Amino acid sequence: MLRAAPVPRPPAIVKTKKNIHFEFDQELVREPLLYKINRSFDVVVNIRGASVTDQGGFIALELEGEADEVQRVLDYLRGEGVRLGEGLGGQER
């Protein structure tokens, strides 16, 4: 009896979660940053907190995805002029 060769499994995709917070000035208040992240990158965005006024804003996010893709999001945000920080920006739970 002939047996079919086992089908090789693709390597497991390792996902990572990263908590970040960022601040932005008045010029970026009307920019759809989260929309652009959602449409342009293969990450899950979980908003953990936010405060936005006409003068600027603060957003705390949890990003989940492959490490390289999460890094691409961080690079994108820096390129847009936001100030990034690690963690959620307050006491994390």
PDB file of N, CA and C in Angstrom:
ATOM      1  N   MET A   1       0.835  -1.159   0.000  1.00  0.00           N
ATOM      2  CA  MET A   1       0.000   0.000   0.000  1.00  0.00           C
ATOM      3  C   MET A   1       0.894   1.241   0.000  1.00  0.00           C
ATOM      4  N   LEU A   2       0.611   2.132  -0.937  1.00  0.00           N
ATOM      5  CA  LEU A   2       1.375   3.368  -1.028  1.00  0.00           C
ATOM      6  C   LEU A   2       0.728   4.441  -0.172  1.00  0.00           C
ATOM      7  N   ARG A   3       1.578   5.133   0.516  1.00  0.00           N
ATOM      8  CA  ARG A   3       1.077   6.236   1.330  1.00  0.00           C
ATOM      9  C   ARG A   3       1.537   7.549   0.724  1.00  0.00           C
ATOM     10  N   ALA A   4       0.672   8.492   0.769  1.00  0.00           N
ATOM     11  CA  ALA A   4       1.033   9.820   0.263  1.00  0.00           C
ATOM     12  C   ALA A   4       2.036  10.455   1.218  1.00  0.00           C
ATOM     13  N   ALA A   5       2.947  11.193   0.643  1.00  0.00           N
ATOM     14  CA  ALA A   5       3.928  11.889   1.470  1.00  0.00           C
ATOM     15  C   ALA A   5       3.204  12.932   2.320  1.00  0.00           C
ATOM     16  N   PRO A   6       3.655  13.100   3.539  1.00  0.00           N
ATOM     17  CA  PRO A   6       2.989  14.090   4.385  1.00  0.00           C
ATOM     18  C   PRO A   6       3.141  15.490   3.777  1.00  0.00           C
ATOM     19  N   VAL A   7       2.091  16.245   3.911  1.00  0.00           N
ATOM     20  CA  VAL A   7       2.114  17.615   3.403  1.00  0.00           C
ATOM     21  C   VAL A   7       2.843  18.471   4.429  1.00  0.00           C
ATOM     22  N   PRO A   8       3.898  19.166   3.986  1.00  0.00           N
ATOM     23  CA  PRO A   8       4.615  19.994   4.958  1.00  0.00           C
ATOM     24  C   PRO A   8       3.735  21.137   5.449  1.00  0.00           C
ATOM     25  N   ARG A   9       3.833  21.397   6.726  1.00  0.00           N
ATOM     26  CA  ARG A   9       3.064  22.490   7.306  1.00  0.00           C
ATOM     27  C   ARG A   9       3.844  23.785   7.164  1.00  0.00           C
ATOM     28  N   PRO A  10       3.143  24.843   6.869  1.00  0.00           N
ATOM     29  CA  PRO A  10       3.846  26.128   6.825  1.00  0.00           C
ATOM     30  C   PRO A  10       4.318  26.481   8.236  1.00  0.00           C
ATOM     31  N   PRO A  11       5.382  27.253   8.328  1.00  0.00           N
ATOM     32  CA  PRO A  11       5.857  27.617   9.663  1.00  0.00           C
ATOM     33  C   PRO A  11       4.780  28.390  10.420  1.00  0.00           C
ATOM     34  N   ALA A  12       4.731  28.150  11.704  1.00  0.00           N
ATOM     35  CA  ALA A  12       3.735  28.823  12.532  1.00  0.00           C
ATOM     36  C   ALA A  12       4.002  30.328  12.529  1.00  0.00           C
ATOM     37  N   ILE A  13       2.939  31.081  12.412  1.00  0.00           N
ATOM     38  CA  ILE A  13       3.067  32.537  12.444  1.00  0.00           C
ATOM     39  C   ILE A  13       3.062  32.967  13.904  1.00  0.00           C
ATOM     40  N   VAL A  14       4.107  33.665  14.290  1.00  0.00           N
ATOM     41  CA  VAL A  14       4.226  34.127  15.665  1.00  0.00           C
ATOM     42  C   VAL A  14       3.718  35.561  15.726  1.00  0.00           C
ATOM     43  N   LYS A  15       2.685  35.741  16.497  1.00  0.00           N
ATOM     44  CA  LYS A  15       2.118  37.079  16.655  1.00  0.00           C
ATOM     45  C   LYS A  15       2.591  37.657  17.975  1.00  0.00           C
ATOM     46  N   THR A  16       2.640  38.948  18.005  1.00  0.00           N
ATOM     47  CA  THR A  16       3.055  39.645  19.213  1.00  0.00           C
ATOM     48  C   THR A  16       2.025  40.708  19.554  1.00  0.00           C
ATOM     49  N   LYS A  17       1.957  41.082  20.811  1.00  0.00           N
ATOM     50  CA  LYS A  17       1.106  42.186  21.242  1.00  0.00           C
ATOM     51  C   LYS A  17       2.017  43.265  21.791  1.00  0.00           C
ATOM     52  N   LYS A  18       1.726  44.493  21.430  1.00  0.00           N
ATOM     53  CA  LYS A  18       2.529  45.611  21.904  1.00  0.00           C
ATOM     54  C   LYS A  18       1.592  46.733  22.313  1.00  0.00           C
ATOM     55  N   ASN A  19       1.785  47.226  23.534  1.00  0.00           N
ATOM     56  CA  ASN A  19       1.034  48.370  24.018  1.00  0.00           C
ATOM     57  C   ASN A  19       1.850  49.626  23.755  1.00  0.00           C
ATOM     58  N   ILE A  20       1.214  50.601  23.130  1.00  0.00           N
ATOM     59  CA  ILE A  20       1.878  51.866  22.853  1.00  0.00           C
ATOM     60  C   ILE A  20       0.927  53.012  23.184  1.00  0.00           C
ATOM     61  N   HIS A  21       1.489  54.180  23.331  1.00  0.00           N
ATOM     62  CA  HIS A  21       0.670  55.383  23.404  1.00  0.00           C
ATOM     63  C   HIS A  21       1.359  56.440  22.564  1.00  0.00           C
ATOM     64  N   PHE A  22       0.573  57.341  22.040  1.00  0.00           N
ATOM     65  CA  PHE A  22       1.173  58.415  21.271  1.00  0.00           C
ATOM     66  C   PHE A  22       0.391  59.702  21.425  1.00  0.00           C
ATOM     67  N   GLU A  23       1.127  60.778  21.250  1.00  0.00           N
ATOM     68  CA  GLU A  23       0.556  62.105  21.314  1.00  0.00           C
ATOM     69  C   GLU A  23       0.764  62.781  19.976  1.00  0.00           C
ATOM     70  N   PHE A  24      -0.162  63.661  19.638  1.00  0.00           N
ATOM     71  CA  PHE A  24      -0.030  64.377  18.376  1.00  0.00           C
ATOM     72  C   PHE A  24      -0.568  65.790  18.545  1.00  0.00           C
ATOM     73  N   ASP A  25      -0.062  66.683  17.711  1.00  0.00           N
ATOM     74  CA  ASP A  25      -0.405  68.094  17.778  1.00  0.00           C
ATOM     75  C   ASP A  25      -1.633  68.403  16.924  1.00  0.00           C
ATOM     76  N   GLN A  26      -2.019  69.646  16.961  1.00  0.00           N
ATOM     77  CA  GLN A  26      -3.207  70.142  16.276  1.00  0.00           C
ATOM     78  C   GLN A  26      -3.224  69.800  14.788  1.00  0.00           C
ATOM     79  N   GLU A  27      -2.052  69.834  14.143  1.00  0.00           N
ATOM     80  CA  GLU A  27      -1.999  69.558  12.699  1.00  0.00           C
ATOM     81  C   GLU A  27      -2.502  68.154  12.357  1.00  0.00           C
ATOM     82  N   LEU A  28      -2.387  67.219  13.289  1.00  0.00           N
ATOM     83  CA  LEU A  28      -2.749  65.829  13.006  1.00  0.00           C
ATOM     84  C   LEU A  28      -4.134  65.434  13.525  1.00  0.00           C
ATOM     85  N   VAL A  29      -4.825  66.339  14.209  1.00  0.00           N
ATOM     86  CA  VAL A  29      -6.128  65.995  14.798  1.00  0.00           C
ATOM     87  C   VAL A  29      -7.096  65.490  13.739  1.00  0.00           C
ATOM     88  N   ARG A  30      -7.109  66.075  12.579  1.00  0.00           N
ATOM     89  CA  ARG A  30      -8.058  65.698  11.531  1.00  0.00           C
ATOM     90  C   ARG A  30      -7.554  64.575  10.625  1.00  0.00           C
ATOM     91  N   GLU A  31      -6.342  64.102  10.857  1.00  0.00           N
ATOM     92  CA  GLU A  31      -5.805  62.993  10.056  1.00  0.00           C
ATOM     93  C   GLU A  31      -6.389  61.677  10.561  1.00  0.00           C
ATOM     94  N   PRO A  32      -6.867  60.826   9.685  1.00  0.00           N
ATOM     95  CA  PRO A  32      -7.459  59.545  10.105  1.00  0.00           C
ATOM     96  C   PRO A  32      -6.377  58.474  10.340  1.00  0.00           C
ATOM     97  N   LEU A  33      -5.548  58.684  11.370  1.00  0.00           N
ATOM     98  CA  LEU A  33      -4.414  57.790  11.606  1.00  0.00           C
ATOM     99  C   LEU A  33      -4.848  56.347  11.845  1.00  0.00           C
ATOM    100  N   LEU A  34      -5.854  56.142  12.685  1.00  0.00           N
ATOM    101  CA  LEU A  34      -6.274  54.768  12.980  1.00  0.00           C
ATOM    102  C   LEU A  34      -6.882  54.101  11.756  1.00  0.00           C
ATOM    103  N   TYR A  35      -7.622  54.842  10.973  1.00  0.00           N
ATOM    104  CA  TYR A  35      -8.179  54.304   9.736  1.00  0.00           C
ATOM    105  C   TYR A  35      -7.049  53.851   8.809  1.00  0.00           C
ATOM    106  N   LYS A  36      -6.028  54.683   8.670  1.00  0.00           N
ATOM    107  CA  LYS A  36      -4.908  54.348   7.792  1.00  0.00           C
ATOM    108  C   LYS A  36      -4.162  53.120   8.296  1.00  0.00           C
ATOM    109  N   ILE A  37      -4.010  53.002   9.618  1.00  0.00           N
ATOM    110  CA  ILE A  37      -3.350  51.811  10.180  1.00  0.00           C
ATOM    111  C   ILE A  37      -4.177  50.570   9.850  1.00  0.00           C
ATOM    112  N   ASN A  38      -5.477  50.667  10.080  1.00  0.00           N
ATOM    113  CA  ASN A  38      -6.374  49.529   9.824  1.00  0.00           C
ATOM    114  C   ASN A  38      -6.354  49.095   8.365  1.00  0.00           C
ATOM    115  N   ARG A  39      -6.310  50.035   7.450  1.00  0.00           N
ATOM    116  CA  ARG A  39      -6.380  49.731   6.021  1.00  0.00           C
ATOM    117  C   ARG A  39      -5.033  49.345   5.407  1.00  0.00           C
ATOM    118  N   SER A  40      -3.941  49.800   6.006  1.00  0.00           N
ATOM    119  CA  SER A  40      -2.631  49.643   5.381  1.00  0.00           C
ATOM    120  C   SER A  40      -1.743  48.567   5.997  1.00  0.00           C
ATOM    121  N   PHE A  41      -2.081  48.109   7.190  1.00  0.00           N
ATOM    122  CA  PHE A  41      -1.218  47.164   7.891  1.00  0.00           C
ATOM    123  C   PHE A  41      -2.027  45.966   8.369  1.00  0.00           C
ATOM    124  N   ASP A  42      -1.374  44.827   8.427  1.00  0.00           N
ATOM    125  CA  ASP A  42      -2.025  43.595   8.872  1.00  0.00           C
ATOM    126  C   ASP A  42      -1.845  43.445  10.383  1.00  0.00           C
ATOM    127  N   VAL A  43      -2.525  44.305  11.134  1.00  0.00           N
ATOM    128  CA  VAL A  43      -2.486  44.262  12.592  1.00  0.00           C
ATOM    129  C   VAL A  43      -3.905  44.436  13.123  1.00  0.00           C
ATOM    130  N   VAL A  44      -4.109  43.955  14.335  1.00  0.00           N
ATOM    131  CA  VAL A  44      -5.360  44.189  15.049  1.00  0.00           C
ATOM    132  C   VAL A  44      -5.101  45.372  15.976  1.00  0.00           C
ATOM    133  N   VAL A  45      -5.971  46.372  15.905  1.00  0.00           N
ATOM    134  CA  VAL A  45      -5.831  47.580  16.713  1.00  0.00           C
ATOM    135  C   VAL A  45      -6.916  47.565  17.781  1.00  0.00           C
ATOM    136  N   ASN A  46      -6.501  47.642  19.043  1.00  0.00           N
ATOM    137  CA  ASN A  46      -7.435  47.703  20.156  1.00  0.00           C
ATOM    138  C   ASN A  46      -7.191  49.038  20.862  1.00  0.00           C
ATOM    139  N   ILE A  47      -8.173  49.925  20.813  1.00  0.00           N
ATOM    140  CA  ILE A  47      -8.037  51.222  21.471  1.00  0.00           C
ATOM    141  C   ILE A  47      -8.256  51.024  22.959  1.00  0.00           C
ATOM    142  N   ARG A  48      -7.240  51.372  23.746  1.00  0.00           N
ATOM    143  CA  ARG A  48      -7.318  51.207  25.199  1.00  0.00           C
ATOM    144  C   ARG A  48      -7.659  52.503  25.912  1.00  0.00           C
ATOM    145  N   GLY A  49      -7.489  53.620  25.233  1.00  0.00           N
ATOM    146  CA  GLY A  49      -7.830  54.919  25.818  1.00  0.00           C
ATOM    147  C   GLY A  49      -7.527  56.007  24.809  1.00  0.00           C
ATOM    148  N   ALA A  50      -8.218  57.122  24.936  1.00  0.00           N
ATOM    149  CA  ALA A  50      -7.973  58.225  24.018  1.00  0.00           C
ATOM    150  C   ALA A  50      -8.550  59.510  24.588  1.00  0.00           C
ATOM    151  N   SER A  51      -7.917  60.595  24.202  1.00  0.00           N
ATOM    152  CA  SER A  51      -8.404  61.932  24.514  1.00  0.00           C
ATOM    153  C   SER A  51      -7.978  62.821  23.362  1.00  0.00           C
ATOM    154  N   VAL A  52      -8.950  63.364  22.642  1.00  0.00           N
ATOM    155  CA  VAL A  52      -8.645  64.184  21.474  1.00  0.00           C
ATOM    156  C   VAL A  52      -9.439  65.483  21.574  1.00  0.00           C
ATOM    157  N   THR A  53      -8.740  66.598  21.374  1.00  0.00           N
ATOM    158  CA  THR A  53      -9.377  67.909  21.318  1.00  0.00           C
ATOM    159  C   THR A  53      -8.908  68.583  20.038  1.00  0.00           C
ATOM    160  N   ASP A  54      -9.364  69.794  19.807  1.00  0.00           N
ATOM    161  CA  ASP A  54      -8.908  70.538  18.632  1.00  0.00           C
ATOM    162  C   ASP A  54      -7.429  70.894  18.725  1.00  0.00           C
ATOM    163  N   GLN A  55      -6.858  70.879  19.931  1.00  0.00           N
ATOM    164  CA  GLN A  55      -5.457  71.257  20.122  1.00  0.00           C
ATOM    165  C   GLN A  55      -4.486  70.082  19.959  1.00  0.00           C
ATOM    166  N   GLY A  56      -4.967  68.872  20.026  1.00  0.00           N
ATOM    167  CA  GLY A  56      -4.093  67.711  19.920  1.00  0.00           C
ATOM    168  C   GLY A  56      -4.749  66.499  20.535  1.00  0.00           C
ATOM    169  N   GLY A  57      -3.965  65.455  20.728  1.00  0.00           N
ATOM    170  CA  GLY A  57      -4.576  64.260  21.281  1.00  0.00           C
ATOM    171  C   GLY A  57      -3.587  63.269  21.843  1.00  0.00           C
ATOM    172  N   PHE A  58      -4.146  62.290  22.537  1.00  0.00           N
ATOM    173  CA  PHE A  58      -3.412  61.188  23.154  1.00  0.00           C
ATOM    174  C   PHE A  58      -4.206  59.925  22.857  1.00  0.00           C
ATOM    175  N   ILE A  59      -3.539  58.879  22.390  1.00  0.00           N
ATOM    176  CA  ILE A  59      -4.206  57.604  22.133  1.00  0.00           C
ATOM    177  C   ILE A  59      -3.341  56.478  22.682  1.00  0.00           C
ATOM    178  N   ALA A  60      -3.963  55.558  23.405  1.00  0.00           N
ATOM    179  CA  ALA A  60      -3.297  54.357  23.897  1.00  0.00           C
ATOM    180  C   ALA A  60      -3.860  53.168  23.122  1.00  0.00           C
ATOM    181  N   LEU A  61      -2.968  52.373  22.536  1.00  0.00           N
ATOM    182  CA  LEU A  61      -3.368  51.255  21.702  1.00  0.00           C
ATOM    183  C   LEU A  61      -2.678  49.970  22.099  1.00  0.00           C
ATOM    184  N   GLU A  62      -3.346  48.864  21.821  1.00  0.00           N
ATOM    185  CA  GLU A  62      -2.711  47.553  21.831  1.00  0.00           C
ATOM    186  C   GLU A  62      -2.679  47.112  20.372  1.00  0.00           C
ATOM    187  N   LEU A  63      -1.488  46.822  19.876  1.00  0.00           N
ATOM    188  CA  LEU A  63      -1.329  46.332  18.505  1.00  0.00           C
ATOM    189  C   LEU A  63      -0.999  44.856  18.560  1.00  0.00           C
ATOM    190  N   GLU A  64      -1.649  44.051  17.720  1.00  0.00           N
ATOM    191  CA  GLU A  64      -1.364  42.618  17.660  1.00  0.00           C
ATOM    192  C   GLU A  64      -1.117  42.233  16.211  1.00  0.00           C
ATOM    193  N   GLY A  65      -0.017  41.541  15.997  1.00  0.00           N
ATOM    194  CA  GLY A  65       0.329  41.080  14.659  1.00  0.00           C
ATOM    195  C   GLY A  65       1.746  40.549  14.652  1.00  0.00           C
ATOM    196  N   GLU A  66       2.236  40.232  13.475  1.00  0.00           N
ATOM    197  CA  GLU A  66       3.617  39.793  13.368  1.00  0.00           C
ATOM    198  C   GLU A  66       4.527  40.950  13.750  1.00  0.00           C
ATOM    199  N   ALA A  67       5.646  40.637  14.393  1.00  0.00           N
ATOM    200  CA  ALA A  67       6.544  41.664  14.919  1.00  0.00           C
ATOM    201  C   ALA A  67       6.971  42.666  13.846  1.00  0.00           C
ATOM    202  N   ASP A  68       7.280  42.189  12.638  1.00  0.00           N
ATOM    203  CA  ASP A  68       7.700  43.092  11.562  1.00  0.00           C
ATOM    204  C   ASP A  68       6.583  44.053  11.177  1.00  0.00           C
ATOM    205  N   GLU A  69       5.359  43.565  11.182  1.00  0.00           N
ATOM    206  CA  GLU A  69       4.227  44.413  10.799  1.00  0.00           C
ATOM    207  C   GLU A  69       3.952  45.448  11.885  1.00  0.00           C
ATOM    208  N   VAL A  70       4.047  45.048  13.146  1.00  0.00           N
ATOM    209  CA  VAL A  70       3.884  46.003  14.248  1.00  0.00           C
ATOM    210  C   VAL A  70       4.954  47.086  14.138  1.00  0.00           C
ATOM    211  N   GLN A  71       6.185  46.694  13.829  1.00  0.00           N
ATOM    212  CA  GLN A  71       7.264  47.673  13.669  1.00  0.00           C
ATOM    213  C   GLN A  71       6.976  48.631  12.517  1.00  0.00           C
ATOM    214  N   ARG A  72       6.387  48.132  11.450  1.00  0.00           N
ATOM    215  CA  ARG A  72       6.017  48.999  10.320  1.00  0.00           C
ATOM    216  C   ARG A  72       5.000  50.061  10.754  1.00  0.00           C
ATOM    217  N   VAL A  73       4.061  49.677  11.619  1.00  0.00           N
ATOM    218  CA  VAL A  73       3.084  50.637  12.133  1.00  0.00           C
ATOM    219  C   VAL A  73       3.798  51.724  12.928  1.00  0.00           C
ATOM    220  N   LEU A  74       4.736  51.328  13.789  1.00  0.00           N
ATOM    221  CA  LEU A  74       5.469  52.303  14.599  1.00  0.00           C
ATOM    222  C   LEU A  74       6.268  53.250  13.718  1.00  0.00           C
ATOM    223  N   ASP A  75       6.895  52.708  12.696  1.00  0.00           N
ATOM    224  CA  ASP A  75       7.655  53.543  11.759  1.00  0.00           C
ATOM    225  C   ASP A  75       6.734  54.522  11.036  1.00  0.00           C
ATOM    226  N   TYR A  76       5.557  54.044  10.638  1.00  0.00           N
ATOM    227  CA  TYR A  76       4.578  54.902   9.966  1.00  0.00           C
ATOM    228  C   TYR A  76       4.171  56.065  10.875  1.00  0.00           C
ATOM    229  N   LEU A  77       3.840  55.752  12.132  1.00  0.00           N
ATOM    230  CA  LEU A  77       3.409  56.794  13.061  1.00  0.00           C
ATOM    231  C   LEU A  77       4.505  57.826  13.291  1.00  0.00           C
ATOM    232  N   ARG A  78       5.737  57.356  13.456  1.00  0.00           N
ATOM    233  CA  ARG A  78       6.859  58.289  13.624  1.00  0.00           C
ATOM    234  C   ARG A  78       6.986  59.185  12.390  1.00  0.00           C
ATOM    235  N   GLY A  79       6.822  58.601  11.224  1.00  0.00           N
ATOM    236  CA  GLY A  79       6.908  59.360   9.987  1.00  0.00           C
ATOM    237  C   GLY A  79       5.811  60.410   9.859  1.00  0.00           C
ATOM    238  N   GLU A  80       4.677  60.177  10.507  1.00  0.00           N
ATOM    239  CA  GLU A  80       3.576  61.140  10.495  1.00  0.00           C
ATOM    240  C   GLU A  80       3.773  62.255  11.509  1.00  0.00           C
ATOM    241  N   GLY A  81       4.778  62.108  12.382  1.00  0.00           N
ATOM    242  CA  GLY A  81       5.074  63.164  13.353  1.00  0.00           C
ATOM    243  C   GLY A  81       4.472  62.975  14.731  1.00  0.00           C
ATOM    244  N   VAL A  82       3.997  61.768  15.045  1.00  0.00           N
ATOM    245  CA  VAL A  82       3.471  61.550  16.391  1.00  0.00           C
ATOM    246  C   VAL A  82       4.615  61.195  17.334  1.00  0.00           C
ATOM    247  N   ARG A  83       4.416  61.497  18.621  1.00  0.00           N
ATOM    248  CA  ARG A  83       5.399  61.157  19.655  1.00  0.00           C
ATOM    249  C   ARG A  83       4.965  59.833  20.287  1.00  0.00           C
ATOM    250  N   LEU A  84       5.779  58.806  20.107  1.00  0.00           N
ATOM    251  CA  LEU A  84       5.444  57.457  20.571  1.00  0.00           C
ATOM    252  C   LEU A  84       6.053  57.153  21.926  1.00  0.00           C
ATOM    253  N   GLY A  85       5.353  56.317  22.679  1.00  0.00           N
ATOM    254  CA  GLY A  85       5.872  55.799  23.934  1.00  0.00           C
ATOM    255  C   GLY A  85       5.464  54.352  24.104  1.00  0.00           C
ATOM    256  N   GLU A  86       6.235  53.621  24.893  1.00  0.00           N
ATOM    257  CA  GLU A  86       5.907  52.231  25.203  1.00  0.00           C
ATOM    258  C   GLU A  86       4.846  52.201  26.288  1.00  0.00           C
ATOM    259  N   GLY A  87       4.043  51.174  26.326  1.00  0.00           N
ATOM    260  CA  GLY A  87       3.020  51.035  27.337  1.00  0.00           C
ATOM    261  C   GLY A  87       1.794  51.860  26.997  1.00  0.00           C
ATOM    262  N   LEU A  88       0.846  51.864  27.913  1.00  0.00           N
ATOM    263  CA  LEU A  88      -0.422  52.532  27.651  1.00  0.00           C
ATOM    264  C   LEU A  88      -0.430  53.982  28.122  1.00  0.00           C
ATOM    265  N   GLY A  89       0.653  54.418  28.748  1.00  0.00           N
ATOM    266  CA  GLY A  89       0.745  55.813  29.126  1.00  0.00           C
ATOM    267  C   GLY A  89       0.219  56.120  30.514  1.00  0.00           C
ATOM    268  N   GLY A  90      -0.210  55.127  31.221  1.00  0.00           N
ATOM    269  CA  GLY A  90      -0.712  55.301  32.585  1.00  0.00           C
ATOM    270  C   GLY A  90      -0.399  54.019  33.337  1.00  0.00           C
ATOM    271  N   GLN A  91      -1.088  53.790  34.397  1.00  0.00           N
ATOM    272  CA  GLN A  91      -0.896  52.531  35.104  1.00  0.00           C
ATOM    273  C   GLN A  91      -1.544  51.423  34.290  1.00  0.00           C
ATOM    274  N   GLU A  92      -0.716  50.503  33.835  1.00  0.00           N
ATOM    275  CA  GLU A  92      -1.244  49.390  33.036  1.00  0.00           C
ATOM    276  C   GLU A  92      -1.840  48.345  33.946  1.00  0.00           C
ATOM    277  N   ARG A  93      -2.884  47.697  33.455  1.00  0.00           N
ATOM    278  CA  ARG A  93      -3.552  46.658  34.247  1.00  0.00           C
ATOM    279  C   ARG A  93      -3.266  45.314  33.652  1.00  0.00           C
TER     280      ARG A  93
END
